[in-house]
Amino acid sequence: MLSLKKSIVPLVLIFILTVCDVAVSKSGIPAEWSMDTDCALCHTHEADTLTNEKCLIYAHSEESCTSCHSQEDRLAVAHRKMSTDTSKLKRLKRTKMGEENCIACHGGWEDLSERTKDTVLVQDSEGTIVNPHIVRTEINKSKQHNLVTCTSCHRMHTETNLAEAANEACRTCHHAGVYKCGTCHN
């Protein structure tokens, strides 16, 4: 009986240690993701941008990651094959943000158009100034700007000049550098 105890005790200890290691690895990364997981454990670049004044996310540093990244079902799928092995961590693809997250705090396109009506950020090669927030309201009658979203210009986790990002977003379609209709295709 004594030899049986001697052989079972180490096996039980190994089992317990293995089960505990599943909950949290040696690297401190949880083995299973939930909306309460500390995102900074894996997403170190994004966490670092919270303290970088050159990144737009800096203005949102008091918010939690899930304030904006709130689509739990999509996040669960993205984290389904998560590994506690830090050597296997990969840079994630750019996350698409739903406009509803931005609108919840900043208001809709009409509100933003009014609040930014005197903004001079977007200017074409002919000197025409365009309020970027009207692209989804006044000048979107034929829905040609439906693909323009908040994150087309407002890139949160990168050091980006907002004026450059906004003009770059416009030039993806207005490649001639003129922001009037009919300048490319008559």
N, C-alpha and C. Protein backbone atom coordinates (compact mmCIF):
# COMPACT_ATOMS: atom_id res chain seq x y z
N MET A 1 0.82 -1.20 0.00
CA MET A 1 0.00 0.00 0.00
C MET A 1 0.86 1.26 0.00
N LEU A 2 1.95 1.25 0.74
CA LEU A 2 2.82 2.40 0.82
C LEU A 2 3.44 2.72 -0.55
N SER A 3 3.82 1.71 -1.31
CA SER A 3 4.42 1.96 -2.63
C SER A 3 3.38 2.51 -3.61
N LEU A 4 2.13 2.12 -3.45
CA LEU A 4 1.07 2.66 -4.29
C LEU A 4 0.90 4.16 -4.04
N LYS A 5 0.95 4.58 -2.75
CA LYS A 5 0.84 6.00 -2.41
C LYS A 5 2.01 6.78 -2.99
N LYS A 6 3.22 6.16 -2.92
CA LYS A 6 4.41 6.83 -3.44
C LYS A 6 4.30 7.08 -4.94
N SER A 7 3.65 6.19 -5.65
CA SER A 7 3.54 6.36 -7.10
C SER A 7 2.36 7.25 -7.50
N ILE A 8 1.30 7.28 -6.70
CA ILE A 8 0.12 8.09 -7.02
C ILE A 8 0.34 9.57 -6.69
N VAL A 9 0.98 9.85 -5.58
CA VAL A 9 1.17 11.25 -5.15
C VAL A 9 1.90 12.07 -6.23
N PRO A 10 3.02 11.60 -6.77
CA PRO A 10 3.66 12.40 -7.83
C PRO A 10 2.76 12.56 -9.06
N LEU A 11 2.01 11.55 -9.41
CA LEU A 11 1.10 11.66 -10.54
C LEU A 11 0.02 12.70 -10.29
N VAL A 12 -0.53 12.72 -9.08
CA VAL A 12 -1.55 13.71 -8.73
C VAL A 12 -0.95 15.10 -8.77
N LEU A 13 0.26 15.25 -8.24
CA LEU A 13 0.92 16.57 -8.27
C LEU A 13 1.16 17.03 -9.71
N ILE A 14 1.61 16.14 -10.55
CA ILE A 14 1.84 16.49 -11.96
C ILE A 14 0.52 16.90 -12.61
N PHE A 15 -0.54 16.17 -12.33
CA PHE A 15 -1.86 16.50 -12.87
C PHE A 15 -2.30 17.89 -12.42
N ILE A 16 -2.18 18.18 -11.12
CA ILE A 16 -2.60 19.48 -10.58
C ILE A 16 -1.79 20.60 -11.21
N LEU A 17 -0.49 20.42 -11.30
CA LEU A 17 0.36 21.46 -11.89
C LEU A 17 0.02 21.67 -13.37
N THR A 18 -0.28 20.60 -14.06
CA THR A 18 -0.65 20.71 -15.46
C THR A 18 -1.96 21.47 -15.62
N VAL A 19 -2.95 21.16 -14.80
CA VAL A 19 -4.24 21.83 -14.86
C VAL A 19 -4.08 23.31 -14.52
N CYS A 20 -3.29 23.63 -13.53
CA CYS A 20 -3.06 25.03 -13.16
C CYS A 20 -2.34 25.77 -14.29
N ASP A 21 -1.43 25.08 -14.96
CA ASP A 21 -0.70 25.71 -16.05
C ASP A 21 -1.61 26.02 -17.22
N VAL A 22 -2.72 25.31 -17.37
CA VAL A 22 -3.68 25.59 -18.43
C VAL A 22 -4.36 26.92 -18.17
N ALA A 23 -4.62 27.24 -16.91
CA ALA A 23 -5.30 28.48 -16.58
C ALA A 23 -4.43 29.69 -16.88
N VAL A 24 -3.17 29.67 -16.44
CA VAL A 24 -2.25 30.75 -16.71
C VAL A 24 -0.88 30.14 -16.97
N SER A 25 -0.28 30.49 -18.08
CA SER A 25 1.01 29.92 -18.44
C SER A 25 2.13 30.61 -17.69
N LYS A 26 3.33 30.10 -17.85
CA LYS A 26 4.51 30.71 -17.23
C LYS A 26 4.73 32.12 -17.74
N SER A 27 4.30 32.40 -18.95
CA SER A 27 4.46 33.73 -19.53
C SER A 27 3.45 34.73 -18.98
N GLY A 28 2.47 34.24 -18.21
CA GLY A 28 1.43 35.11 -17.67
C GLY A 28 0.26 35.31 -18.60
N ILE A 29 0.29 34.68 -19.76
CA ILE A 29 -0.79 34.82 -20.73
C ILE A 29 -1.87 33.79 -20.43
N PRO A 30 -3.10 34.23 -20.27
CA PRO A 30 -4.17 33.26 -19.99
C PRO A 30 -4.37 32.31 -21.16
N ALA A 31 -4.69 31.08 -20.84
CA ALA A 31 -4.87 30.08 -21.88
C ALA A 31 -6.22 30.21 -22.57
N GLU A 32 -7.16 30.81 -21.91
CA GLU A 32 -8.48 30.99 -22.51
C GLU A 32 -8.83 32.47 -22.48
N TRP A 33 -9.36 32.95 -23.59
CA TRP A 33 -9.71 34.36 -23.72
C TRP A 33 -11.13 34.60 -23.22
N SER A 34 -11.35 35.76 -22.63
CA SER A 34 -12.69 36.23 -22.31
C SER A 34 -12.67 37.75 -22.42
N MET A 35 -13.83 38.37 -22.36
CA MET A 35 -13.91 39.83 -22.45
C MET A 35 -13.20 40.50 -21.26
N ASP A 36 -12.92 39.75 -20.21
CA ASP A 36 -12.23 40.30 -19.04
C ASP A 36 -10.72 40.11 -19.09
N THR A 37 -10.22 39.43 -20.10
CA THR A 37 -8.78 39.19 -20.22
C THR A 37 -8.05 40.52 -20.39
N ASP A 38 -6.89 40.63 -19.76
CA ASP A 38 -6.07 41.82 -19.91
C ASP A 38 -5.42 41.80 -21.29
N CYS A 39 -5.91 42.61 -22.19
CA CYS A 39 -5.47 42.61 -23.58
C CYS A 39 -3.98 42.93 -23.71
N ALA A 40 -3.46 43.74 -22.79
CA ALA A 40 -2.07 44.19 -22.85
C ALA A 40 -1.07 43.05 -22.70
N LEU A 41 -1.50 41.92 -22.15
CA LEU A 41 -0.58 40.79 -22.00
C LEU A 41 -0.06 40.31 -23.35
N CYS A 42 -0.90 40.33 -24.36
CA CYS A 42 -0.49 39.89 -25.70
C CYS A 42 -0.34 41.06 -26.67
N HIS A 43 -1.22 42.01 -26.58
CA HIS A 43 -1.24 43.13 -27.52
C HIS A 43 -0.38 44.28 -26.98
N THR A 44 0.91 44.02 -26.88
CA THR A 44 1.83 44.98 -26.27
C THR A 44 1.97 46.25 -27.10
N HIS A 45 2.01 46.12 -28.42
CA HIS A 45 2.12 47.33 -29.26
C HIS A 45 0.93 48.25 -29.02
N GLU A 46 -0.27 47.69 -29.04
CA GLU A 46 -1.47 48.49 -28.85
C GLU A 46 -1.50 49.10 -27.46
N ALA A 47 -1.06 48.35 -26.47
CA ALA A 47 -1.01 48.87 -25.10
C ALA A 47 -0.02 50.03 -25.00
N ASP A 48 1.10 49.92 -25.69
CA ASP A 48 2.10 51.00 -25.67
C ASP A 48 1.57 52.27 -26.30
N THR A 49 0.68 52.16 -27.29
CA THR A 49 0.17 53.35 -27.97
C THR A 49 -0.74 54.18 -27.06
N LEU A 50 -1.26 53.58 -26.00
CA LEU A 50 -2.13 54.32 -25.07
C LEU A 50 -1.39 55.47 -24.39
N THR A 51 -0.07 55.36 -24.29
CA THR A 51 0.72 56.41 -23.65
C THR A 51 1.51 57.25 -24.65
N ASN A 52 1.27 57.03 -25.94
CA ASN A 52 1.97 57.77 -26.99
C ASN A 52 1.08 58.90 -27.49
N GLU A 53 1.45 60.13 -27.16
CA GLU A 53 0.64 61.30 -27.53
C GLU A 53 0.49 61.48 -29.04
N LYS A 54 1.33 60.84 -29.84
CA LYS A 54 1.25 60.95 -31.30
C LYS A 54 0.20 60.00 -31.89
N CYS A 55 -0.33 59.11 -31.07
CA CYS A 55 -1.36 58.16 -31.52
C CYS A 55 -2.73 58.65 -31.07
N LEU A 56 -3.72 58.54 -31.93
CA LEU A 56 -5.06 59.02 -31.59
C LEU A 56 -5.69 58.26 -30.42
N ILE A 57 -5.26 57.03 -30.18
CA ILE A 57 -5.82 56.26 -29.07
C ILE A 57 -5.47 56.90 -27.72
N TYR A 58 -4.44 57.70 -27.69
CA TYR A 58 -4.02 58.38 -26.47
C TYR A 58 -5.18 59.16 -25.85
N ALA A 59 -6.00 59.77 -26.69
CA ALA A 59 -7.16 60.53 -26.20
C ALA A 59 -8.22 59.62 -25.59
N HIS A 60 -8.12 58.32 -25.84
CA HIS A 60 -9.08 57.34 -25.33
C HIS A 60 -8.46 56.43 -24.27
N SER A 61 -7.31 56.81 -23.73
CA SER A 61 -6.57 55.92 -22.85
C SER A 61 -7.29 55.60 -21.54
N GLU A 62 -8.28 56.37 -21.19
CA GLU A 62 -9.06 56.09 -19.98
C GLU A 62 -10.10 54.99 -20.21
N GLU A 63 -10.36 54.68 -21.47
CA GLU A 63 -11.33 53.64 -21.81
C GLU A 63 -10.67 52.26 -21.78
N SER A 64 -11.47 51.23 -21.65
CA SER A 64 -10.94 49.87 -21.75
C SER A 64 -10.93 49.47 -23.22
N CYS A 65 -10.15 48.47 -23.56
CA CYS A 65 -10.09 48.00 -24.94
C CYS A 65 -11.47 47.59 -25.44
N THR A 66 -12.24 46.97 -24.55
CA THR A 66 -13.56 46.46 -24.96
C THR A 66 -14.61 47.56 -25.05
N SER A 67 -14.25 48.80 -24.71
CA SER A 67 -15.18 49.91 -24.96
C SER A 67 -15.39 50.08 -26.45
N CYS A 68 -14.33 49.88 -27.22
CA CYS A 68 -14.42 50.00 -28.67
C CYS A 68 -14.46 48.64 -29.34
N HIS A 69 -13.63 47.74 -28.90
CA HIS A 69 -13.59 46.38 -29.45
C HIS A 69 -14.62 45.56 -28.68
N SER A 70 -15.87 45.76 -29.00
CA SER A 70 -16.96 45.23 -28.17
C SER A 70 -17.70 44.04 -28.78
N GLN A 71 -17.28 43.60 -29.95
CA GLN A 71 -18.01 42.52 -30.62
C GLN A 71 -17.48 41.17 -30.11
N GLU A 72 -18.06 40.72 -29.01
CA GLU A 72 -17.57 39.54 -28.31
C GLU A 72 -17.51 38.30 -29.19
N ASP A 73 -18.50 38.09 -30.05
CA ASP A 73 -18.51 36.89 -30.89
C ASP A 73 -17.33 36.89 -31.85
N ARG A 74 -17.02 38.04 -32.46
CA ARG A 74 -15.88 38.12 -33.37
C ARG A 74 -14.56 37.94 -32.63
N LEU A 75 -14.47 38.55 -31.46
CA LEU A 75 -13.25 38.43 -30.67
C LEU A 75 -13.03 36.98 -30.22
N ALA A 76 -14.10 36.31 -29.85
CA ALA A 76 -13.99 34.91 -29.43
C ALA A 76 -13.44 34.06 -30.57
N VAL A 77 -13.92 34.29 -31.78
CA VAL A 77 -13.43 33.55 -32.94
C VAL A 77 -11.95 33.88 -33.19
N ALA A 78 -11.59 35.14 -33.10
CA ALA A 78 -10.21 35.55 -33.35
C ALA A 78 -9.24 34.97 -32.33
N HIS A 79 -9.70 34.73 -31.12
CA HIS A 79 -8.84 34.22 -30.06
C HIS A 79 -8.99 32.71 -29.85
N ARG A 80 -9.72 32.06 -30.70
CA ARG A 80 -10.03 30.65 -30.48
C ARG A 80 -8.79 29.76 -30.47
N LYS A 81 -7.78 30.07 -31.25
CA LYS A 81 -6.55 29.26 -31.28
C LYS A 81 -5.41 29.97 -30.56
N MET A 82 -5.75 30.74 -29.55
CA MET A 82 -4.76 31.48 -28.78
C MET A 82 -3.76 30.53 -28.13
N SER A 83 -2.51 30.92 -28.09
CA SER A 83 -1.47 30.09 -27.50
C SER A 83 -0.81 30.82 -26.35
N THR A 84 -0.46 30.09 -25.32
CA THR A 84 0.26 30.69 -24.19
C THR A 84 1.75 30.75 -24.47
N ASP A 85 2.17 30.20 -25.58
CA ASP A 85 3.57 30.21 -25.97
C ASP A 85 3.86 31.55 -26.64
N THR A 86 4.61 32.42 -25.95
CA THR A 86 4.85 33.76 -26.47
C THR A 86 5.67 33.76 -27.75
N SER A 87 6.39 32.67 -28.03
CA SER A 87 7.15 32.62 -29.29
C SER A 87 6.23 32.45 -30.49
N LYS A 88 4.97 32.08 -30.25
CA LYS A 88 4.01 31.89 -31.33
C LYS A 88 3.11 33.10 -31.55
N LEU A 89 3.30 34.15 -30.76
CA LEU A 89 2.46 35.33 -30.93
C LEU A 89 2.74 35.96 -32.29
N LYS A 90 1.68 36.34 -32.97
CA LYS A 90 1.80 36.95 -34.28
C LYS A 90 1.12 38.31 -34.25
N ARG A 91 1.55 39.17 -35.12
CA ARG A 91 0.89 40.46 -35.27
C ARG A 91 -0.46 40.19 -35.92
N LEU A 92 -1.49 40.73 -35.34
CA LEU A 92 -2.83 40.49 -35.84
C LEU A 92 -3.12 41.34 -37.06
N LYS A 93 -4.05 40.89 -37.85
CA LYS A 93 -4.53 41.68 -38.97
C LYS A 93 -5.26 42.89 -38.41
N ARG A 94 -5.34 43.91 -39.19
CA ARG A 94 -6.03 45.12 -38.76
C ARG A 94 -7.49 44.79 -38.45
N THR A 95 -7.92 45.24 -37.32
CA THR A 95 -9.28 44.98 -36.86
C THR A 95 -10.23 46.00 -37.47
N LYS A 96 -11.32 45.54 -38.01
CA LYS A 96 -12.33 46.45 -38.52
C LYS A 96 -13.22 46.86 -37.35
N MET A 97 -13.40 48.14 -37.21
CA MET A 97 -14.23 48.67 -36.14
C MET A 97 -15.58 49.07 -36.71
N GLY A 98 -16.61 48.74 -36.00
CA GLY A 98 -17.94 49.17 -36.40
C GLY A 98 -18.14 50.63 -36.04
N GLU A 99 -18.73 51.39 -36.95
CA GLU A 99 -18.97 52.81 -36.70
C GLU A 99 -19.82 53.07 -35.48
N GLU A 100 -20.66 52.10 -35.13
CA GLU A 100 -21.54 52.29 -33.98
C GLU A 100 -20.74 52.57 -32.71
N ASN A 101 -19.53 52.03 -32.62
CA ASN A 101 -18.70 52.30 -31.45
C ASN A 101 -18.28 53.77 -31.38
N CYS A 102 -17.91 54.33 -32.51
CA CYS A 102 -17.49 55.74 -32.56
C CYS A 102 -18.70 56.67 -32.35
N ILE A 103 -19.78 56.36 -33.05
CA ILE A 103 -20.99 57.19 -33.00
C ILE A 103 -21.57 57.25 -31.59
N ALA A 104 -21.43 56.18 -30.84
CA ALA A 104 -21.97 56.14 -29.48
C ALA A 104 -21.43 57.28 -28.61
N CYS A 105 -20.18 57.65 -28.83
CA CYS A 105 -19.58 58.74 -28.03
C CYS A 105 -19.47 60.05 -28.79
N HIS A 106 -19.19 59.98 -30.09
CA HIS A 106 -18.87 61.19 -30.86
C HIS A 106 -20.02 61.72 -31.68
N GLY A 107 -21.13 61.01 -31.76
CA GLY A 107 -22.27 61.46 -32.56
C GLY A 107 -22.16 60.98 -34.00
N GLY A 108 -23.23 61.18 -34.74
CA GLY A 108 -23.30 60.72 -36.13
C GLY A 108 -22.61 61.66 -37.09
N TRP A 109 -22.63 61.28 -38.36
CA TRP A 109 -21.98 62.07 -39.40
C TRP A 109 -22.51 63.50 -39.47
N GLU A 110 -23.81 63.68 -39.31
CA GLU A 110 -24.38 65.02 -39.36
C GLU A 110 -23.85 65.89 -38.21
N ASP A 111 -23.83 65.32 -37.01
CA ASP A 111 -23.30 66.05 -35.85
C ASP A 111 -21.83 66.43 -36.06
N LEU A 112 -21.06 65.46 -36.53
CA LEU A 112 -19.64 65.71 -36.76
C LEU A 112 -19.42 66.74 -37.85
N SER A 113 -20.25 66.70 -38.89
CA SER A 113 -20.14 67.69 -39.98
C SER A 113 -20.32 69.10 -39.44
N GLU A 114 -21.31 69.26 -38.57
CA GLU A 114 -21.58 70.58 -38.00
C GLU A 114 -20.44 71.02 -37.07
N ARG A 115 -19.97 70.12 -36.23
CA ARG A 115 -18.92 70.48 -35.27
C ARG A 115 -17.58 70.75 -35.95
N THR A 116 -17.36 70.19 -37.13
CA THR A 116 -16.07 70.36 -37.81
C THR A 116 -16.19 71.19 -39.08
N LYS A 117 -17.25 71.99 -39.18
CA LYS A 117 -17.49 72.73 -40.43
C LYS A 117 -16.37 73.70 -40.78
N ASP A 118 -15.62 74.18 -39.81
CA ASP A 118 -14.53 75.12 -40.08
C ASP A 118 -13.16 74.44 -40.11
N THR A 119 -13.15 73.13 -40.16
CA THR A 119 -11.90 72.37 -40.15
C THR A 119 -11.25 72.41 -41.54
N VAL A 120 -9.96 72.66 -41.55
CA VAL A 120 -9.21 72.67 -42.81
C VAL A 120 -8.17 71.55 -42.72
N LEU A 121 -8.60 70.34 -42.99
CA LEU A 121 -7.69 69.19 -43.00
C LEU A 121 -7.57 68.57 -44.37
N VAL A 122 -8.67 68.56 -45.10
CA VAL A 122 -8.70 67.91 -46.40
C VAL A 122 -8.76 68.97 -47.48
N GLN A 123 -7.72 68.98 -48.31
CA GLN A 123 -7.63 69.99 -49.36
C GLN A 123 -7.06 69.33 -50.60
N ASP A 124 -7.71 69.56 -51.74
CA ASP A 124 -7.23 68.93 -52.98
C ASP A 124 -6.16 69.78 -53.66
N SER A 125 -5.68 69.30 -54.79
CA SER A 125 -4.59 69.98 -55.51
C SER A 125 -5.00 71.33 -56.07
N GLU A 126 -6.32 71.60 -56.15
CA GLU A 126 -6.79 72.89 -56.65
C GLU A 126 -7.15 73.85 -55.52
N GLY A 127 -6.89 73.44 -54.28
CA GLY A 127 -7.17 74.29 -53.14
C GLY A 127 -8.57 74.14 -52.56
N THR A 128 -9.36 73.24 -53.12
CA THR A 128 -10.72 73.02 -52.61
C THR A 128 -10.63 72.34 -51.25
N ILE A 129 -11.27 72.95 -50.25
CA ILE A 129 -11.28 72.40 -48.89
C ILE A 129 -12.58 71.63 -48.70
N VAL A 130 -12.47 70.42 -48.18
CA VAL A 130 -13.64 69.57 -47.97
C VAL A 130 -13.69 69.17 -46.50
N ASN A 131 -14.84 69.36 -45.89
CA ASN A 131 -15.04 68.84 -44.54
C ASN A 131 -15.19 67.33 -44.69
N PRO A 132 -14.27 66.54 -44.14
CA PRO A 132 -14.32 65.11 -44.38
C PRO A 132 -15.56 64.42 -43.82
N HIS A 133 -16.23 65.04 -42.87
CA HIS A 133 -17.40 64.40 -42.28
C HIS A 133 -18.67 64.54 -43.12
N ILE A 134 -18.64 65.38 -44.16
CA ILE A 134 -19.83 65.48 -45.01
C ILE A 134 -19.87 64.41 -46.10
N VAL A 135 -18.79 63.64 -46.23
CA VAL A 135 -18.76 62.64 -47.30
C VAL A 135 -19.84 61.59 -47.14
N ARG A 136 -20.33 61.40 -45.95
CA ARG A 136 -21.38 60.40 -45.73
C ARG A 136 -22.75 61.04 -45.60
N THR A 137 -22.84 62.35 -45.75
CA THR A 137 -24.13 63.02 -45.62
C THR A 137 -24.45 63.77 -46.90
N GLU A 138 -24.09 65.02 -46.99
CA GLU A 138 -24.48 65.90 -48.09
C GLU A 138 -24.03 65.43 -49.47
N ILE A 139 -22.81 64.94 -49.58
CA ILE A 139 -22.30 64.60 -50.92
C ILE A 139 -22.35 63.09 -51.18
N ASN A 140 -23.17 62.38 -50.44
CA ASN A 140 -23.25 60.94 -50.60
C ASN A 140 -24.58 60.49 -51.20
N LYS A 141 -25.17 61.33 -52.01
CA LYS A 141 -26.50 61.02 -52.55
C LYS A 141 -26.53 59.70 -53.33
N SER A 142 -25.48 59.40 -54.05
CA SER A 142 -25.47 58.14 -54.81
C SER A 142 -24.70 57.04 -54.07
N LYS A 143 -24.47 57.24 -52.79
CA LYS A 143 -23.84 56.24 -51.90
C LYS A 143 -22.42 55.88 -52.30
N GLN A 144 -21.75 56.75 -53.05
CA GLN A 144 -20.40 56.45 -53.48
C GLN A 144 -19.38 56.51 -52.35
N HIS A 145 -19.75 57.08 -51.21
CA HIS A 145 -18.82 57.19 -50.08
C HIS A 145 -19.17 56.25 -48.94
N ASN A 146 -20.00 55.26 -49.17
CA ASN A 146 -20.39 54.35 -48.09
C ASN A 146 -19.23 53.55 -47.51
N LEU A 147 -18.17 53.39 -48.28
CA LEU A 147 -17.01 52.65 -47.76
C LEU A 147 -16.12 53.50 -46.86
N VAL A 148 -16.35 54.80 -46.83
CA VAL A 148 -15.60 55.67 -45.94
C VAL A 148 -16.14 55.47 -44.53
N THR A 149 -15.26 55.12 -43.61
CA THR A 149 -15.66 54.92 -42.21
C THR A 149 -14.80 55.81 -41.32
N CYS A 150 -15.10 55.83 -40.06
CA CYS A 150 -14.32 56.63 -39.11
C CYS A 150 -12.84 56.26 -39.17
N THR A 151 -12.57 54.96 -39.22
CA THR A 151 -11.18 54.51 -39.20
C THR A 151 -10.47 54.66 -40.54
N SER A 152 -11.17 55.13 -41.56
CA SER A 152 -10.49 55.44 -42.82
C SER A 152 -9.46 56.55 -42.58
N CYS A 153 -9.77 57.45 -41.68
CA CYS A 153 -8.87 58.56 -41.36
C CYS A 153 -8.31 58.47 -39.94
N HIS A 154 -9.15 58.08 -39.02
CA HIS A 154 -8.76 58.05 -37.60
C HIS A 154 -8.14 56.70 -37.27
N ARG A 155 -6.85 56.59 -37.50
CA ARG A 155 -6.09 55.36 -37.22
C ARG A 155 -5.58 55.46 -35.79
N MET A 156 -6.11 54.63 -34.96
CA MET A 156 -5.93 54.81 -33.52
C MET A 156 -4.57 54.38 -32.97
N HIS A 157 -4.05 53.26 -33.40
CA HIS A 157 -2.86 52.69 -32.77
C HIS A 157 -1.58 52.92 -33.56
N THR A 158 -1.56 53.92 -34.44
CA THR A 158 -0.34 54.24 -35.18
C THR A 158 -0.10 55.74 -35.08
N GLU A 159 1.16 56.11 -35.18
CA GLU A 159 1.50 57.53 -35.20
C GLU A 159 1.13 58.05 -36.59
N THR A 160 0.02 58.74 -36.66
CA THR A 160 -0.48 59.22 -37.94
C THR A 160 -0.90 60.67 -37.82
N ASN A 161 -0.51 61.46 -38.80
CA ASN A 161 -0.98 62.82 -38.91
C ASN A 161 -2.39 62.74 -39.49
N LEU A 162 -3.37 63.28 -38.78
CA LEU A 162 -4.77 63.15 -39.20
C LEU A 162 -5.01 63.76 -40.58
N ALA A 163 -4.43 64.91 -40.87
CA ALA A 163 -4.62 65.54 -42.18
C ALA A 163 -4.06 64.66 -43.29
N GLU A 164 -2.89 64.09 -43.08
CA GLU A 164 -2.29 63.20 -44.08
C GLU A 164 -3.14 61.96 -44.28
N ALA A 165 -3.62 61.38 -43.17
CA ALA A 165 -4.44 60.17 -43.26
C ALA A 165 -5.75 60.45 -43.99
N ALA A 166 -6.36 61.59 -43.71
CA ALA A 166 -7.63 61.94 -44.35
C ALA A 166 -7.44 62.16 -45.85
N ASN A 167 -6.41 62.90 -46.21
CA ASN A 167 -6.15 63.14 -47.63
C ASN A 167 -5.77 61.84 -48.35
N GLU A 168 -5.02 60.98 -47.67
CA GLU A 168 -4.66 59.69 -48.26
C GLU A 168 -5.91 58.84 -48.50
N ALA A 169 -6.82 58.88 -47.56
CA ALA A 169 -8.08 58.13 -47.72
C ALA A 169 -8.86 58.65 -48.93
N CYS A 170 -8.91 59.96 -49.10
CA CYS A 170 -9.62 60.54 -50.24
C CYS A 170 -8.95 60.16 -51.56
N ARG A 171 -7.62 60.18 -51.57
CA ARG A 171 -6.89 59.90 -52.81
C ARG A 171 -6.96 58.44 -53.24
N THR A 172 -7.48 57.55 -52.39
CA THR A 172 -7.63 56.17 -52.84
C THR A 172 -8.62 56.11 -54.01
N CYS A 173 -9.59 57.02 -54.03
CA CYS A 173 -10.53 57.10 -55.16
C CYS A 173 -10.25 58.33 -56.01
N HIS A 174 -10.00 59.45 -55.38
CA HIS A 174 -9.74 60.71 -56.09
C HIS A 174 -8.25 60.75 -56.43
N HIS A 175 -7.81 59.79 -57.22
CA HIS A 175 -6.39 59.63 -57.50
C HIS A 175 -5.80 60.76 -58.33
N ALA A 176 -6.62 61.58 -58.94
CA ALA A 176 -6.12 62.73 -59.70
C ALA A 176 -5.84 63.90 -58.76
N GLY A 177 -6.15 63.73 -57.46
CA GLY A 177 -5.87 64.80 -56.50
C GLY A 177 -6.90 65.91 -56.51
N VAL A 178 -8.01 65.71 -57.18
CA VAL A 178 -9.08 66.71 -57.24
C VAL A 178 -10.32 66.07 -56.65
N TYR A 179 -10.93 66.76 -55.68
CA TYR A 179 -12.05 66.17 -54.94
C TYR A 179 -13.42 66.56 -55.47
N LYS A 180 -13.49 66.89 -56.75
CA LYS A 180 -14.77 67.18 -57.37
C LYS A 180 -15.18 65.98 -58.22
N CYS A 181 -16.46 65.76 -58.34
CA CYS A 181 -16.95 64.68 -59.20
C CYS A 181 -16.75 65.07 -60.66
N GLY A 182 -16.54 64.07 -61.50
CA GLY A 182 -16.43 64.31 -62.92
C GLY A 182 -15.05 64.70 -63.38
N THR A 183 -14.07 64.70 -62.49
CA THR A 183 -12.71 65.06 -62.90
C THR A 183 -11.94 63.90 -63.49
N CYS A 184 -12.40 62.69 -63.24
CA CYS A 184 -11.71 61.51 -63.76
C CYS A 184 -12.48 60.85 -64.88
N HIS A 185 -13.76 60.60 -64.62
CA HIS A 185 -14.58 59.85 -65.58
C HIS A 185 -15.76 60.72 -66.00
N ASN A 186 -15.77 61.15 -67.25
CA ASN A 186 -16.84 62.03 -67.73
C ASN A 186 -18.04 61.26 -68.17
